[in-house]
């Protein structure tokens, strides 16, 4: 799932929760989920960088063992 699709999904979820719950609560939930989403995106970027580095290093490790 791409970052864009995730944020779309998050927005839909927030809209649904806004219908079911009082507005202030849903706004809090929405901002929290948005924060989590940003963190998730950032973490995914870190993982991608780590994976690229690992792919560069792994042939050397395999040849040494």
Protein backbone atom coordinates (compact mmCIF):
# COMPACT_ATOMS: atom_id res chain seq x y z
CA UNK A 1 0.00 0.00 0.00
CA UNK A 2 1.39 3.37 -0.98
CA UNK A 3 1.59 6.37 1.34
CA UNK A 4 -1.04 8.20 -0.72
CA UNK A 5 -3.54 5.33 -0.51
CA UNK A 6 -2.95 5.12 3.23
CA UNK A 7 -3.66 8.81 3.79
CA UNK A 8 -6.82 8.47 1.68
CA UNK A 9 -7.93 5.56 3.84
CA UNK A 10 -7.13 7.53 6.99
CA UNK A 11 -9.24 10.44 5.78
CA UNK A 12 -12.18 8.13 5.11
CA UNK A 13 -11.83 6.59 8.56
CA UNK A 14 -11.73 10.03 10.14
CA UNK A 15 -14.85 11.07 8.25
CA UNK A 16 -16.68 7.94 9.42
CA UNK A 17 -15.64 8.49 13.03
CA UNK A 18 -16.81 12.11 12.79
CA UNK A 19 -20.29 10.89 11.86
CA UNK A 20 -20.40 8.38 14.73
CA UNK A 21 -18.86 10.45 17.53
CA UNK A 22 -18.95 14.04 18.79
CA UNK A 23 -16.98 16.43 16.61
CA UNK A 24 -14.24 17.34 19.10
CA UNK A 25 -13.43 13.69 19.77
CA UNK A 26 -13.20 12.84 16.08
CA UNK A 27 -10.97 15.83 15.46
CA UNK A 28 -8.63 14.57 18.17
CA UNK A 29 -8.70 11.09 16.65
CA UNK A 30 -8.08 12.54 13.23
CA UNK A 31 -5.07 14.59 14.29
CA UNK A 32 -3.66 11.59 16.14
CA UNK A 33 -4.11 9.33 13.12
CA UNK A 34 -2.55 11.97 10.89
CA UNK A 35 0.46 12.15 13.20
CA UNK A 36 0.77 8.37 13.19
CA UNK A 37 0.51 8.40 9.41
CA UNK A 38 3.34 10.92 9.11
CA UNK A 39 5.44 8.82 11.47
CA UNK A 40 4.64 5.73 9.42
CA UNK A 41 5.73 7.46 6.22
CA UNK A 42 8.94 8.68 7.83
CA UNK A 43 9.68 5.23 9.26
CA UNK A 44 9.00 3.61 5.89
CA UNK A 45 11.50 6.00 4.28
CA UNK A 46 14.07 4.98 6.89
CA UNK A 47 13.38 1.29 6.20
CA UNK A 48 13.80 1.84 2.46
CA UNK A 49 17.16 3.52 3.01
CA UNK A 50 18.25 0.70 5.32
CA UNK A 51 17.15 -1.88 2.78
CA UNK A 52 19.16 -0.20 0.00
CA UNK A 53 22.21 -0.15 2.26
CA UNK A 54 21.65 -3.79 3.19
CA UNK A 55 21.41 -4.80 -0.47
CA UNK A 56 24.75 -3.10 -1.11
CA UNK A 57 26.44 -4.75 1.87
CA UNK A 58 24.89 -8.24 1.72
CA UNK A 59 27.00 -9.60 -1.20
CA UNK A 60 30.14 -8.78 0.79
CA UNK A 61 28.76 -10.52 3.88
CA UNK A 62 27.77 -13.58 1.85
CA UNK A 63 31.18 -13.84 0.20
CA UNK A 64 32.92 -13.61 3.61
CA UNK A 65 30.92 -16.38 5.28
